[in-house]
């Protein structure tokens, strides 16, 4: 499964960005998620969504980020509002398939200036 992430960039605090991640359409995808890794820190979950629409968010992004997906396009989105400097990180999408394998996208940089 190939994942192509896009939508990162530089934004001022309080601004918004929308990330997209498209997976190869020929594969059945179960769970899709967004993780992030700030400099010097471990990769952490931001949000995850199942193919039935169940969603979970990290406490740090609840109320500000919204994850959604288009199952027909095997694409997951992350709408990020009210961004804070501490949201600065490389954001990675991943996808879980029925075999249990997990695949990762290449990462997209999000930088929030104060």
C-alpha atoms as a PDB file:
ATOM      1  CA  UNK A   1       0.000   0.000   0.000  1.00  0.00           C
ATOM      2  CA  UNK A   2       1.390   3.374  -0.971  1.00  0.00           C
ATOM      3  CA  UNK A   3       0.350   6.452   0.980  1.00  0.00           C
ATOM      4  CA  UNK A   4       0.812   9.978  -0.328  1.00  0.00           C
ATOM      5  CA  UNK A   5       0.447  12.769   2.209  1.00  0.00           C
ATOM      6  CA  UNK A   6       0.101  16.451   1.377  1.00  0.00           C
ATOM      7  CA  UNK A   7      -1.086  19.748   2.826  1.00  0.00           C
ATOM      8  CA  UNK A   8       1.600  20.682   5.316  1.00  0.00           C
ATOM      9  CA  UNK A   9       3.166  24.101   5.493  1.00  0.00           C
ATOM     10  CA  UNK A  10       3.920  27.167   7.575  1.00  0.00           C
ATOM     11  CA  UNK A  11       1.074  28.923   9.383  1.00  0.00           C
ATOM     12  CA  UNK A  12       0.744  31.452  12.157  1.00  0.00           C
ATOM     13  CA  UNK A  13      -0.668  30.479  15.530  1.00  0.00           C
ATOM     14  CA  UNK A  14      -4.449  30.399  15.390  1.00  0.00           C
ATOM     15  CA  UNK A  15      -4.441  29.463  11.728  1.00  0.00           C
ATOM     16  CA  UNK A  16      -5.642  26.341   9.956  1.00  0.00           C
ATOM     17  CA  UNK A  17      -4.291  23.655   7.682  1.00  0.00           C
ATOM     18  CA  UNK A  18      -5.831  20.613   6.034  1.00  0.00           C
ATOM     19  CA  UNK A  19      -3.791  17.493   5.503  1.00  0.00           C
ATOM     20  CA  UNK A  20      -4.697  14.799   2.998  1.00  0.00           C
ATOM     21  CA  UNK A  21      -3.413  11.269   2.602  1.00  0.00           C
ATOM     22  CA  UNK A  22      -4.373   9.059  -0.310  1.00  0.00           C
ATOM     23  CA  UNK A  23      -3.822   5.310  -0.244  1.00  0.00           C
ATOM     24  CA  UNK A  24      -3.669   2.987  -3.232  1.00  0.00           C
ATOM     25  CA  UNK A  25      -7.276   2.356  -4.218  1.00  0.00           C
ATOM     26  CA  UNK A  26      -6.757  -1.315  -4.985  1.00  0.00           C
ATOM     27  CA  UNK A  27      -6.337  -2.150  -1.301  1.00  0.00           C
ATOM     28  CA  UNK A  28      -8.949  -2.571   1.393  1.00  0.00           C
ATOM     29  CA  UNK A  29      -8.138  -0.243   4.270  1.00  0.00           C
ATOM     30  CA  UNK A  30      -9.404  -0.725   7.809  1.00  0.00           C
ATOM     31  CA  UNK A  31      -8.067   2.021  10.053  1.00  0.00           C
ATOM     32  CA  UNK A  32      -6.427   5.221   8.895  1.00  0.00           C
ATOM     33  CA  UNK A  33      -4.702   7.634  11.174  1.00  0.00           C
ATOM     34  CA  UNK A  34      -2.482  10.635  11.614  1.00  0.00           C
ATOM     35  CA  UNK A  35       0.560  10.616  13.845  1.00  0.00           C
ATOM     36  CA  UNK A  36       3.035  13.378  14.488  1.00  0.00           C
ATOM     37  CA  UNK A  37       6.629  13.634  15.591  1.00  0.00           C
ATOM     38  CA  UNK A  38       8.105  16.827  16.964  1.00  0.00           C
ATOM     39  CA  UNK A  39      11.890  17.349  17.071  1.00  0.00           C
ATOM     40  CA  UNK A  40      13.429  15.315  19.858  1.00  0.00           C
ATOM     41  CA  UNK A  41      10.167  13.590  20.721  1.00  0.00           C
ATOM     42  CA  UNK A  42       8.590  10.246  19.996  1.00  0.00           C
ATOM     43  CA  UNK A  43       5.954   9.813  17.346  1.00  0.00           C
ATOM     44  CA  UNK A  44       2.498  10.155  18.852  1.00  0.00           C
ATOM     45  CA  UNK A  45      -1.053   9.581  17.740  1.00  0.00           C
ATOM     46  CA  UNK A  46      -3.051  12.639  16.721  1.00  0.00           C
ATOM     47  CA  UNK A  47      -6.243  11.048  15.401  1.00  0.00           C
ATOM     48  CA  UNK A  48      -7.514   7.772  13.989  1.00  0.00           C
ATOM     49  CA  UNK A  49     -10.639   6.709  12.117  1.00  0.00           C
ATOM     50  CA  UNK A  50     -11.941   3.245  11.272  1.00  0.00           C
ATOM     51  CA  UNK A  51     -13.686   2.287   8.055  1.00  0.00           C
ATOM     52  CA  UNK A  52     -16.984   2.345   9.980  1.00  0.00           C
ATOM     53  CA  UNK A  53     -16.355   5.902  11.118  1.00  0.00           C
ATOM     54  CA  UNK A  54     -15.268   5.375  14.711  1.00  0.00           C
ATOM     55  CA  UNK A  55     -12.883   8.164  15.716  1.00  0.00           C
ATOM     56  CA  UNK A  56     -10.383   8.797  18.468  1.00  0.00           C
ATOM     57  CA  UNK A  57      -8.290  11.893  19.155  1.00  0.00           C
ATOM     58  CA  UNK A  58      -5.327  12.662  21.338  1.00  0.00           C
ATOM     59  CA  UNK A  59      -6.348  14.914  24.214  1.00  0.00           C
ATOM     60  CA  UNK A  60      -3.982  17.599  22.937  1.00  0.00           C
ATOM     61  CA  UNK A  61      -5.928  18.037  19.680  1.00  0.00           C
ATOM     62  CA  UNK A  62      -9.519  17.432  20.777  1.00  0.00           C
ATOM     63  CA  UNK A  63     -11.818  20.256  19.785  1.00  0.00           C
ATOM     64  CA  UNK A  64      -9.294  21.651  17.298  1.00  0.00           C
ATOM     65  CA  UNK A  65      -8.580  18.834  14.835  1.00  0.00           C
ATOM     66  CA  UNK A  66     -11.104  16.859  12.817  1.00  0.00           C
ATOM     67  CA  UNK A  67     -10.304  13.599  11.057  1.00  0.00           C
ATOM     68  CA  UNK A  68     -12.439  12.322   8.209  1.00  0.00           C
ATOM     69  CA  UNK A  69     -12.133   9.875   5.343  1.00  0.00           C
ATOM     70  CA  UNK A  70     -13.511   9.113   1.942  1.00  0.00           C
ATOM     71  CA  UNK A  71     -13.660   5.327   1.724  1.00  0.00           C
ATOM     72  CA  UNK A  72     -14.320   5.396  -2.006  1.00  0.00           C
ATOM     73  CA  UNK A  73     -11.061   7.251  -2.539  1.00  0.00           C
ATOM     74  CA  UNK A  74      -9.123   5.551   0.290  1.00  0.00           C
ATOM     75  CA  UNK A  75      -8.246   9.045   1.477  1.00  0.00           C
ATOM     76  CA  UNK A  76      -8.031  10.409   5.001  1.00  0.00           C
ATOM     77  CA  UNK A  77      -8.063  14.082   5.928  1.00  0.00           C
ATOM     78  CA  UNK A  78      -7.030  16.036   8.985  1.00  0.00           C
ATOM     79  CA  UNK A  79      -8.530  19.495   9.386  1.00  0.00           C
ATOM     80  CA  UNK A  80      -6.424  21.389  11.891  1.00  0.00           C
ATOM     81  CA  UNK A  81      -7.826  24.589  13.363  1.00  0.00           C
ATOM     82  CA  UNK A  82      -6.617  26.935  16.101  1.00  0.00           C
ATOM     83  CA  UNK A  83      -3.079  25.722  15.549  1.00  0.00           C
ATOM     84  CA  UNK A  84      -0.522  26.246  18.261  1.00  0.00           C
ATOM     85  CA  UNK A  85       3.292  26.351  18.092  1.00  0.00           C
ATOM     86  CA  UNK A  86       3.334  23.037  19.964  1.00  0.00           C
ATOM     87  CA  UNK A  87       1.545  21.439  17.008  1.00  0.00           C
ATOM     88  CA  UNK A  88       4.742  21.890  14.997  1.00  0.00           C
ATOM     89  CA  UNK A  89       5.834  18.448  13.858  1.00  0.00           C
ATOM     90  CA  UNK A  90       6.165  16.115  10.923  1.00  0.00           C
ATOM     91  CA  UNK A  91       2.758  14.559  10.394  1.00  0.00           C
ATOM     92  CA  UNK A  92       2.539  10.979   9.147  1.00  0.00           C
ATOM     93  CA  UNK A  93      -0.497   9.130   7.936  1.00  0.00           C
ATOM     94  CA  UNK A  94      -0.847   5.396   8.267  1.00  0.00           C
ATOM     95  CA  UNK A  95      -3.212   2.724   7.122  1.00  0.00           C
ATOM     96  CA  UNK A  96      -4.065  -0.685   8.507  1.00  0.00           C
ATOM     97  CA  UNK A  97      -5.176  -3.489   6.197  1.00  0.00           C
ATOM     98  CA  UNK A  98      -7.095  -6.710   6.982  1.00  0.00           C
ATOM     99  CA  UNK A  99      -3.872  -8.783   7.091  1.00  0.00           C
ATOM    100  CA  UNK A 100      -2.753  -6.741  10.090  1.00  0.00           C
ATOM    101  CA  UNK A 101       0.014  -4.899   8.285  1.00  0.00           C
ATOM    102  CA  UNK A 102       0.457  -1.195   8.889  1.00  0.00           C
ATOM    103  CA  UNK A 103       1.718   1.147   6.199  1.00  0.00           C
ATOM    104  CA  UNK A 104       3.112   4.657   6.576  1.00  0.00           C
ATOM    105  CA  UNK A 105       3.203   7.702   4.376  1.00  0.00           C
ATOM    106  CA  UNK A 106       6.298   9.837   3.869  1.00  0.00           C
ATOM    107  CA  UNK A 107       5.382  12.604   6.309  1.00  0.00           C
ATOM    108  CA  UNK A 108       4.518  16.243   5.789  1.00  0.00           C
ATOM    109  CA  UNK A 109       5.964  19.138   7.792  1.00  0.00           C
ATOM    110  CA  UNK A 110       3.645  21.402   9.744  1.00  0.00           C
ATOM    111  CA  UNK A 111       5.220  24.501  11.277  1.00  0.00           C
ATOM    112  CA  UNK A 112       3.231  26.887  13.447  1.00  0.00           C
ATOM    113  CA  UNK A 113       4.860  30.222  14.220  1.00  0.00           C
ATOM    114  CA  UNK A 114       4.037  32.213  17.345  1.00  0.00           C
END
